[in-house]
């Protein structure tokens, strides 16, 4: 946990906050503690498969980790988000503690009402039990995971496969750059005309020595309306050209990036990623198909996919094979890959998101929101990874999580994943189709 905390602290300092001088240590501590306990849950999953530590010790650490992570996600992070939001509002600065409590109570109300529409829990559990809290955190986290997984399953082959690259030549880039330079020249020449007109008006005394009073207003309207109307017309043309230059610049940068991707796709590494793109395309189609089957027939797998796949292969080939022994090792490798890629992918996404919307005032709030998303994402990962483990390794996890409706979370993941994947396919198809048309229009 100390190592995980240190890694979270370094990531916070070196990646998220490297461009900001204002730092709140409580934000750093909350982010690092959330990261440490989230990673510890994944470590405990691996311990379950490998049989590290005594079972009672693993149970204790599971219970401790879940209690701490729920305390952070439900009570601590929402309160501090409200506190820093209120701190940025001058009118509420004197009573910021009171208003922070009001915002936290509002969050708790909606967080609690979130569980009403979903069949996620047995009604016999107490208000502040682990089951009550983790069931609601699971709904939010599974929804987030499904949205990211659906978009990633579609965007990954779209990004890696050279099939989706536009055919861009040096002539196309030169033509667009020439068009951009011509537009910039036109903007400069028109701005020169405006500057010359302003200087002429200043020399004539029409700027600072304007006549005052009613008759002065009548005179200014009748004498200089033509010149001012001409200047306003030129200014409108300048605004339109500047907007065109922005679009041309973005299109030029996009063509350069596409040209670099085409050259990269011809390298060995590019061909490797292109192959991965085809692999992920097949995986995406299979995942969408299975999600549709699960939704239509209302089914959830009872056996982990590794054991099931080995059983099918052994029965088909008719060979002697220790399914239980090898399923343990393959499950360990598979779960390890899922854990590493989940952590890496989420941290990359959080970094991009933070750089896109953060500022010196909002950075504390955004980091706390990212910590909230990260914690819910990892808790929900435990709920879903449980199904990828052989039944004998799920025992302690099931006992700690309590009487949750695990089947609901898997069905809910399939529904949101399907919606996200199909929406992403439609969005990327329209974007890919409009790109050449936009290039031709420019």
Protein backbone atom coordinates (compact mmCIF):
# COMPACT_ATOMS: atom_id res chain seq x y z
CA UNK A 1 0.00 0.00 0.00
CA UNK A 2 2.91 2.35 0.69
CA UNK A 3 4.31 1.64 -2.78
CA UNK A 4 0.90 2.19 -4.41
CA UNK A 5 0.48 5.43 -2.44
CA UNK A 6 3.93 6.61 -3.57
CA UNK A 7 3.15 5.82 -7.21
CA UNK A 8 -0.16 7.72 -6.96
CA UNK A 9 1.66 10.68 -5.38
CA UNK A 10 4.33 10.73 -8.13
CA UNK A 11 1.67 10.47 -10.85
CA UNK A 12 -0.16 13.39 -9.25
CA UNK A 13 2.97 15.57 -9.02
CA UNK A 14 4.67 14.64 -12.30
CA UNK A 15 1.64 14.29 -14.59
CA UNK A 16 -1.47 16.04 -13.31
CA UNK A 17 -0.12 19.04 -11.43
CA UNK A 18 3.22 19.67 -13.11
CA UNK A 19 1.95 22.91 -14.74
CA UNK A 20 0.21 24.34 -11.65
CA UNK A 21 1.75 26.07 -8.65
CA UNK A 22 -1.34 26.01 -6.40
CA UNK A 23 -1.43 22.64 -4.63
CA UNK A 24 -3.68 21.44 -1.84
CA UNK A 25 -2.05 18.63 0.10
CA UNK A 26 -5.42 17.23 1.15
CA UNK A 27 -6.24 16.72 -2.56
CA UNK A 28 -2.93 14.96 -3.15
CA UNK A 29 -3.46 12.70 -0.13
CA UNK A 30 -7.06 11.80 -1.12
CA UNK A 31 -6.04 11.03 -4.71
CA UNK A 32 -3.05 8.92 -3.65
CA UNK A 33 -4.99 7.03 -0.94
CA UNK A 34 -7.81 6.28 -3.40
CA UNK A 35 -5.28 4.98 -5.92
CA UNK A 36 -3.47 2.90 -3.26
CA UNK A 37 -6.59 1.15 -1.96
CA UNK A 38 -7.93 0.63 -5.49
CA UNK A 39 -4.71 -1.10 -6.54
CA UNK A 40 -4.72 -3.11 -3.31
CA UNK A 41 -8.10 -4.58 -4.26
CA UNK A 42 -6.60 -5.79 -7.54
CA UNK A 43 -3.61 -7.16 -5.63
CA UNK A 44 -6.00 -9.11 -3.38
CA UNK A 45 -7.70 -10.58 -6.48
CA UNK A 46 -4.31 -11.95 -7.59
CA UNK A 47 -3.71 -13.20 -4.03
CA UNK A 48 -7.02 -15.09 -4.22
CA UNK A 49 -5.88 -16.93 -7.36
CA UNK A 50 -2.34 -17.64 -6.08
CA UNK A 51 -3.45 -18.48 -2.53
CA UNK A 52 -1.11 -15.90 -0.94
CA UNK A 53 -1.76 -15.22 2.79
CA UNK A 54 -4.19 -17.05 5.03
CA UNK A 55 -7.85 -16.93 3.98
CA UNK A 56 -8.86 -15.12 7.20
CA UNK A 57 -6.13 -12.52 6.57
CA UNK A 58 -7.31 -11.97 2.99
CA UNK A 59 -10.89 -11.60 4.26
CA UNK A 60 -9.77 -8.99 6.80
CA UNK A 61 -7.88 -6.98 4.17
CA UNK A 62 -10.82 -7.19 1.75
CA UNK A 63 -13.12 -5.85 4.44
CA UNK A 64 -10.69 -3.08 5.44
CA UNK A 65 -10.09 -2.00 1.83
CA UNK A 66 -13.77 -1.86 0.96
CA UNK A 67 -14.62 0.10 4.12
CA UNK A 68 -11.87 2.67 3.46
CA UNK A 69 -12.59 3.05 -0.26
CA UNK A 70 -16.34 3.48 0.40
CA UNK A 71 -15.64 6.01 3.15
CA UNK A 72 -13.54 8.01 0.69
CA UNK A 73 -15.95 7.76 -2.27
CA UNK A 74 -19.22 8.40 -0.42
CA UNK A 75 -18.25 10.76 2.40
CA UNK A 76 -14.82 12.37 1.99
CA UNK A 77 -14.44 13.15 -1.73
CA UNK A 78 -17.98 14.57 -2.26
CA UNK A 79 -17.58 16.82 0.79
CA UNK A 80 -14.25 18.24 -0.39
CA UNK A 81 -15.59 18.71 -3.92
CA UNK A 82 -18.39 20.84 -2.46
CA UNK A 83 -15.89 22.66 -0.22
CA UNK A 84 -13.59 23.65 -3.10
CA UNK A 85 -16.53 24.59 -5.35
CA UNK A 86 -17.86 26.93 -2.65
CA UNK A 87 -14.33 28.31 -2.05
CA UNK A 88 -14.22 29.52 -5.67
CA UNK A 89 -17.43 31.55 -5.19
CA UNK A 90 -16.73 34.86 -3.45
CA UNK A 91 -20.31 35.43 -2.26
CA UNK A 92 -20.25 32.15 -0.32
CA UNK A 93 -16.70 32.43 0.96
CA UNK A 94 -17.57 33.34 4.56
CA UNK A 95 -19.95 30.41 5.06
CA UNK A 96 -18.13 27.91 2.84
CA UNK A 97 -18.18 25.14 5.45
CA UNK A 98 -21.96 25.40 5.81
CA UNK A 99 -22.60 25.44 2.08
CA UNK A 100 -20.16 22.55 1.59
CA UNK A 101 -22.26 20.50 4.04
CA UNK A 102 -25.43 21.46 2.14
CA UNK A 103 -23.88 20.29 -1.16
CA UNK A 104 -22.74 17.03 0.45
CA UNK A 105 -26.24 16.36 1.83
CA UNK A 106 -27.66 17.04 -1.65
CA UNK A 107 -25.20 14.53 -3.13
CA UNK A 108 -26.15 11.95 -0.50
CA UNK A 109 -29.85 12.36 -1.28
CA UNK A 110 -29.41 11.74 -5.01
CA UNK A 111 -26.82 9.02 -4.37
CA UNK A 112 -29.30 7.18 -2.15
CA UNK A 113 -32.25 7.66 -4.52
CA UNK A 114 -30.08 6.18 -7.29
CA UNK A 115 -30.65 2.69 -5.90
CA UNK A 116 -34.45 2.85 -6.08
CA UNK A 117 -34.96 2.04 -9.81
CA UNK A 118 -32.47 -0.86 -9.82
CA UNK A 119 -32.91 -4.38 -8.40
CA UNK A 120 -29.47 -4.32 -6.82
CA UNK A 121 -29.95 -5.32 -3.21
CA UNK A 122 -31.83 -7.34 -0.65
CA UNK A 123 -33.98 -4.99 1.51
CA UNK A 124 -32.83 -6.51 4.81
CA UNK A 125 -29.49 -4.65 4.93
CA UNK A 126 -28.97 -1.56 7.08
CA UNK A 127 -28.63 1.98 5.79
CA UNK A 128 -24.84 2.26 6.20
CA UNK A 129 -23.94 -1.35 5.43
CA UNK A 130 -21.25 -2.19 2.89
CA UNK A 131 -23.90 -3.78 0.66
CA UNK A 132 -26.01 -0.59 0.54
CA UNK A 133 -23.06 1.61 -0.38
CA UNK A 134 -21.23 -0.69 -2.78
CA UNK A 135 -24.42 -1.51 -4.68
CA UNK A 136 -24.92 2.16 -5.60
CA UNK A 137 -21.25 2.76 -6.28
CA UNK A 138 -21.35 -0.32 -8.52
CA UNK A 139 -24.19 1.06 -10.66
CA UNK A 140 -22.27 4.28 -11.38
CA UNK A 141 -18.95 2.49 -11.89
CA UNK A 142 -20.33 -0.26 -14.13
CA UNK A 143 -22.09 2.36 -16.26
CA UNK A 144 -18.81 4.27 -16.62
CA UNK A 145 -16.87 1.08 -17.42
CA UNK A 146 -19.41 0.01 -20.04
CA UNK A 147 -19.35 3.42 -21.74
CA UNK A 148 -15.54 3.45 -21.88
CA UNK A 149 -15.37 -0.20 -22.99
CA UNK A 150 -17.94 0.30 -25.73
CA UNK A 151 -16.16 3.34 -27.12
CA UNK A 152 -12.72 1.73 -26.73
CA UNK A 153 -13.76 -1.49 -28.48
CA UNK A 154 -14.80 0.55 -31.54
CA UNK A 155 -12.22 3.34 -31.42
CA UNK A 156 -9.23 1.01 -30.99
CA UNK A 157 -9.49 -0.71 -34.40
CA UNK A 158 -10.49 2.61 -35.98
CA UNK A 159 -7.30 4.18 -34.61
CA UNK A 160 -4.89 1.34 -35.40
CA UNK A 161 -6.12 0.01 -38.76
CA UNK A 162 -4.64 1.59 -41.88
CA UNK A 163 -7.86 0.73 -43.73
CA UNK A 164 -9.56 3.78 -42.20
CA UNK A 165 -6.77 6.20 -43.11
CA UNK A 166 -7.47 8.80 -45.78
CA UNK A 167 -5.16 8.84 -48.80
CA UNK A 168 -3.20 12.07 -48.23
CA UNK A 169 -0.42 13.21 -50.58
CA UNK A 170 2.15 15.99 -50.33
CA UNK A 171 0.26 17.85 -53.08
CA UNK A 172 -2.89 17.93 -50.92
CA UNK A 173 -0.95 19.38 -47.99
CA UNK A 174 0.83 21.99 -50.15
CA UNK A 175 -2.45 23.09 -51.75
CA UNK A 176 -4.09 23.53 -48.35
CA UNK A 177 -1.07 25.39 -46.94
CA UNK A 178 -1.06 27.70 -49.98
CA UNK A 179 -4.75 28.37 -49.40
CA UNK A 180 -4.03 29.14 -45.74
CA UNK A 181 -1.22 31.58 -46.64
CA UNK A 182 -3.46 33.36 -49.17
CA UNK A 183 -6.15 33.72 -46.52
CA UNK A 184 -3.64 35.14 -44.03
CA UNK A 185 -2.41 37.64 -46.67
CA UNK A 186 -5.99 38.77 -47.27
CA UNK A 187 -6.54 39.23 -43.54
CA UNK A 188 -3.35 41.32 -43.22
CA UNK A 189 -4.24 43.52 -46.21
CA UNK A 190 -7.78 44.20 -44.94
CA UNK A 191 -6.51 44.97 -41.44
CA UNK A 192 -4.05 47.41 -43.01
CA UNK A 193 -6.96 49.14 -44.75
CA UNK A 194 -8.81 49.41 -41.45
CA UNK A 195 -5.69 50.80 -39.70
CA UNK A 196 -5.09 53.34 -42.49
CA UNK A 197 -8.75 54.45 -42.33
CA UNK A 198 -8.53 54.88 -38.54
CA UNK A 199 -5.31 56.92 -38.90
CA UNK A 200 -6.95 59.14 -41.54
CA UNK A 201 -9.96 59.72 -39.31
CA UNK A 202 -7.65 60.54 -36.39
CA UNK A 203 -5.71 63.06 -38.48
CA UNK A 204 -8.95 64.73 -39.53
CA UNK A 205 -10.03 64.97 -35.93
CA UNK A 206 -13.01 62.66 -36.37
CA UNK A 207 -12.00 60.39 -33.51
CA UNK A 208 -11.25 62.61 -30.51
CA UNK A 209 -12.91 65.83 -31.68
CA UNK A 210 -16.38 64.52 -32.34
CA UNK A 211 -19.07 67.21 -31.97
CA UNK A 212 -21.32 66.79 -28.97
CA UNK A 213 -24.97 67.50 -28.40
CA UNK A 214 -28.03 66.85 -30.51
CA UNK A 215 -26.85 68.74 -33.62
CA UNK A 216 -23.47 67.06 -33.38
CA UNK A 217 -25.12 63.65 -33.40
CA UNK A 218 -27.17 64.60 -36.48
CA UNK A 219 -24.02 65.86 -38.23
CA UNK A 220 -22.02 62.69 -37.45
CA UNK A 221 -24.79 60.51 -38.83
CA UNK A 222 -25.12 62.51 -42.06
CA UNK A 223 -21.41 63.03 -42.79
CA UNK A 224 -19.49 59.92 -41.74
CA UNK A 225 -22.02 57.14 -42.08
CA UNK A 226 -20.57 56.00 -45.40
CA UNK A 227 -17.05 55.62 -44.05
CA UNK A 228 -18.10 53.82 -40.87
CA UNK A 229 -20.36 51.50 -42.84
CA UNK A 230 -17.46 50.68 -45.12
CA UNK A 231 -15.19 49.91 -42.14
CA UNK A 232 -17.79 47.68 -40.49
CA UNK A 233 -18.15 45.78 -43.77
CA UNK A 234 -14.39 45.24 -43.98
CA UNK A 235 -14.34 44.12 -40.32
CA UNK A 236 -17.03 41.53 -41.05
CA UNK A 237 -14.93 40.23 -43.94
CA UNK A 238 -11.90 40.02 -41.63
CA UNK A 239 -13.91 38.03 -39.04
CA UNK A 240 -15.10 35.61 -41.73
CA UNK A 241 -11.57 35.16 -43.08
CA UNK A 242 -10.15 34.58 -39.59
CA UNK A 243 -12.73 31.83 -39.00
CA UNK A 244 -11.79 30.31 -42.37
CA UNK A 245 -8.09 30.49 -41.47
CA UNK A 246 -8.77 28.63 -38.21
CA UNK A 247 -10.55 25.86 -40.08
CA UNK A 248 -7.79 25.69 -42.70
CA UNK A 249 -5.13 25.51 -39.99
CA UNK A 250 -6.93 22.65 -38.20
CA UNK A 251 -7.41 20.82 -41.49
CA UNK A 252 -3.73 21.29 -42.34
CA UNK A 253 -2.68 19.90 -38.95
CA UNK A 254 -5.07 16.97 -39.47
CA UNK A 255 -3.58 16.21 -42.89
CA UNK A 256 -0.05 16.31 -41.46
CA UNK A 257 -1.11 13.91 -38.68
CA UNK A 258 -2.76 11.58 -41.21
CA UNK A 259 0.36 11.67 -43.42
CA UNK A 260 2.50 10.73 -40.41
CA UNK A 261 0.12 7.87 -39.57
CA UNK A 262 0.35 6.60 -43.17
CA UNK A 263 4.15 6.61 -42.98
CA UNK A 264 4.04 4.98 -39.53
CA UNK A 265 1.70 2.24 -40.81
CA UNK A 266 4.41 1.15 -43.29
CA UNK A 267 6.89 0.41 -40.47
CA UNK A 268 7.10 -2.93 -38.67
CA UNK A 269 5.49 -1.52 -35.54
CA UNK A 270 2.75 0.07 -37.64
CA UNK A 271 2.01 -3.26 -39.33
CA UNK A 272 1.87 -4.90 -35.90
CA UNK A 273 -0.70 -2.37 -34.68
CA UNK A 274 -2.62 -2.78 -37.93
CA UNK A 275 -2.83 -6.52 -37.20
CA UNK A 276 -4.02 -5.68 -33.68
CA UNK A 277 -6.67 -3.49 -35.25
CA UNK A 278 -8.08 -6.46 -37.19
CA UNK A 279 -7.94 -8.59 -34.04
CA UNK A 280 -9.83 -5.95 -32.03
CA UNK A 281 -12.35 -5.60 -34.85
CA UNK A 282 -13.17 -9.30 -34.55
CA UNK A 283 -13.26 -8.97 -30.77
CA UNK A 284 -15.57 -5.95 -31.03
CA UNK A 285 -18.00 -7.81 -33.32
CA UNK A 286 -17.93 -10.85 -31.03
CA UNK A 287 -18.45 -8.71 -27.93
CA UNK A 288 -21.41 -6.89 -29.49
CA UNK A 289 -22.88 -10.21 -30.64
CA UNK A 290 -22.50 -11.78 -27.17
CA UNK A 291 -23.92 -8.68 -25.45
CA UNK A 292 -26.94 -8.85 -27.75
CA UNK A 293 -27.42 -12.57 -27.05
CA UNK A 294 -27.14 -11.99 -23.29
CA UNK A 295 -29.72 -9.20 -23.42
CA UNK A 296 -32.19 -11.03 -25.68
CA UNK A 297 -32.05 -14.33 -23.78
CA UNK A 298 -31.50 -12.70 -20.35
CA UNK A 299 -28.53 -14.90 -19.52
CA UNK A 300 -25.30 -14.53 -17.54
CA UNK A 301 -22.40 -16.96 -17.77
CA UNK A 302 -22.06 -19.26 -14.77
CA UNK A 303 -18.52 -20.41 -15.63
CA UNK A 304 -15.50 -18.17 -16.06
CA UNK A 305 -14.50 -17.79 -19.75
CA UNK A 306 -11.04 -19.36 -19.27
CA UNK A 307 -12.32 -22.62 -17.77
CA UNK A 308 -15.16 -22.76 -20.30
CA UNK A 309 -12.79 -22.19 -23.24
CA UNK A 310 -10.36 -24.88 -22.02
CA UNK A 311 -13.22 -27.37 -21.52
CA UNK A 312 -14.55 -26.79 -25.04
CA UNK A 313 -11.04 -27.15 -26.55
CA UNK A 314 -10.25 -30.34 -24.58
CA UNK A 315 -13.57 -31.95 -25.46
CA UNK A 316 -13.17 -31.02 -29.13
CA UNK A 317 -9.60 -32.35 -29.40
CA UNK A 318 -10.23 -35.33 -27.12
CA UNK A 319 -6.98 -35.04 -25.15
CA UNK A 320 -6.07 -35.58 -21.50
CA UNK A 321 -5.69 -32.22 -19.82
CA UNK A 322 -5.75 -30.94 -16.22
CA UNK A 323 -8.38 -28.23 -16.68
CA UNK A 324 -8.39 -27.11 -13.03
CA UNK A 325 -4.60 -26.70 -12.83
CA UNK A 326 -4.18 -24.76 -16.07
CA UNK A 327 -7.31 -22.65 -15.63
CA UNK A 328 -5.77 -21.30 -12.42
CA UNK A 329 -2.58 -20.17 -14.16
CA UNK A 330 -4.31 -18.85 -17.27
CA UNK A 331 -6.86 -17.02 -15.10
CA UNK A 332 -3.99 -15.44 -13.19
CA UNK A 333 -2.39 -14.22 -16.45
CA UNK A 334 -5.70 -13.04 -17.88
CA UNK A 335 -6.76 -11.18 -14.73
CA UNK A 336 -3.28 -9.65 -14.47
CA UNK A 337 -3.51 -8.36 -18.04
CA UNK A 338 -7.00 -6.97 -17.37
CA UNK A 339 -5.80 -5.23 -14.20
CA UNK A 340 -2.66 -3.69 -15.78
CA UNK A 341 -4.47 -2.50 -18.91
CA UNK A 342 -7.38 -1.13 -16.83
CA UNK A 343 -5.08 0.91 -14.58
CA UNK A 344 -2.91 2.12 -17.48
CA UNK A 345 -5.87 2.97 -19.71
CA UNK A 346 -7.71 4.80 -16.96
CA UNK A 347 -4.67 6.87 -15.94
CA UNK A 348 -4.04 7.88 -19.58
CA UNK A 349 -7.69 8.87 -19.98
CA UNK A 350 -7.68 10.84 -16.72
CA UNK A 351 -4.53 12.71 -17.76
CA UNK A 352 -5.99 13.71 -21.14
CA UNK A 353 -9.27 14.74 -19.53
CA UNK A 354 -7.48 16.82 -16.88
CA UNK A 355 -5.32 18.68 -19.42
CA UNK A 356 -8.39 19.41 -21.57
CA UNK A 357 -10.57 21.14 -18.97
CA UNK A 358 -8.40 22.09 -15.98
CA UNK A 359 -7.37 25.57 -14.83
CA UNK A 360 -5.61 26.93 -11.76
CA UNK A 361 -8.95 27.49 -9.98
CA UNK A 362 -10.80 24.35 -11.02
CA UNK A 363 -7.87 21.91 -10.85
CA UNK A 364 -8.52 20.80 -7.25
CA UNK A 365 -12.18 20.05 -7.99
CA UNK A 366 -11.30 18.17 -11.19
CA UNK A 367 -8.64 16.04 -9.45
CA UNK A 368 -11.18 15.08 -6.77
CA UNK A 369 -13.71 14.21 -9.49
CA UNK A 370 -11.07 12.06 -11.17
CA UNK A 371 -10.36 10.35 -7.84
CA UNK A 372 -14.10 9.68 -7.47
CA UNK A 373 -14.33 8.24 -10.98
CA UNK A 374 -11.17 6.17 -10.46
CA UNK A 375 -12.41 4.67 -7.19
CA UNK A 376 -15.85 3.80 -8.59
CA UNK A 377 -14.25 2.36 -11.72
CA UNK A 378 -11.95 0.06 -9.73
CA UNK A 379 -14.69 -1.07 -7.31
CA UNK A 380 -16.88 -1.94 -10.28
CA UNK A 381 -13.96 -3.77 -11.90
CA UNK A 382 -13.88 -6.07 -8.88
CA UNK A 383 -17.60 -6.80 -9.34
CA UNK A 384 -17.09 -7.73 -13.00
CA UNK A 385 -13.68 -9.45 -12.76
CA UNK A 386 -15.25 -11.79 -10.22
CA UNK A 387 -17.02 -13.55 -13.12
CA UNK A 388 -13.67 -14.08 -14.91
CA UNK A 389 -12.36 -16.10 -11.96
CA UNK A 390 -12.98 -19.81 -11.35
CA UNK A 391 -15.74 -20.37 -8.70
CA UNK A 392 -13.35 -21.56 -5.98
CA UNK A 393 -11.53 -18.20 -6.05
CA UNK A 394 -14.71 -16.12 -5.79
CA UNK A 395 -15.68 -17.29 -2.29
CA UNK A 396 -14.10 -14.56 -0.15
CA UNK A 397 -14.97 -11.81 -2.66
CA UNK A 398 -18.60 -12.93 -2.63
CA UNK A 399 -18.67 -13.04 1.18
CA UNK A 400 -17.17 -9.55 1.51
CA UNK A 401 -19.38 -7.95 -1.12
CA UNK A 402 -22.47 -9.47 0.47
CA UNK A 403 -25.80 -10.36 -1.11
CA UNK A 404 -25.44 -8.24 -4.22
CA UNK A 405 -27.36 -9.01 -7.40
CA UNK A 406 -24.24 -9.85 -9.41
CA UNK A 407 -26.25 -10.96 -12.44
CA UNK A 408 -27.85 -7.51 -12.66
CA UNK A 409 -24.46 -5.80 -12.98
CA UNK A 410 -23.41 -8.06 -15.83
CA UNK A 411 -26.70 -7.51 -17.68
CA UNK A 412 -26.48 -3.76 -17.06
CA UNK A 413 -22.90 -3.75 -18.39
CA UNK A 414 -24.05 -5.56 -21.56
CA UNK A 415 -26.86 -3.06 -22.15
CA UNK A 416 -24.70 0.05 -21.70
CA UNK A 417 -21.80 -1.53 -23.63
CA UNK A 418 -24.09 -2.29 -26.58
CA UNK A 419 -25.53 1.24 -26.63
CA UNK A 420 -22.07 2.80 -26.32
CA UNK A 421 -20.51 0.59 -29.03
CA UNK A 422 -23.33 1.16 -31.55
CA UNK A 423 -23.32 4.92 -30.86
CA UNK A 424 -19.54 5.00 -31.31
CA UNK A 425 -19.80 3.11 -34.63
CA UNK A 426 -22.39 5.61 -35.88
CA UNK A 427 -20.36 8.61 -34.69
CA UNK A 428 -17.07 7.40 -36.20
CA UNK A 429 -18.81 6.44 -39.45
CA UNK A 430 -20.27 9.94 -39.82
CA UNK A 431 -16.94 11.56 -38.87
CA UNK A 432 -15.03 9.37 -41.35
CA UNK A 433 -17.58 10.08 -44.08
CA UNK A 434 -17.63 13.85 -43.55
CA UNK A 435 -13.84 14.23 -43.40
CA UNK A 436 -13.25 13.96 -47.20
CA UNK A 437 -16.31 16.15 -47.89
CA UNK A 438 -14.98 18.82 -45.51
CA UNK A 439 -11.57 18.63 -47.18
CA UNK A 440 -13.14 19.10 -50.61
CA UNK A 441 -15.24 22.04 -49.36
CA UNK A 442 -12.21 23.79 -47.91
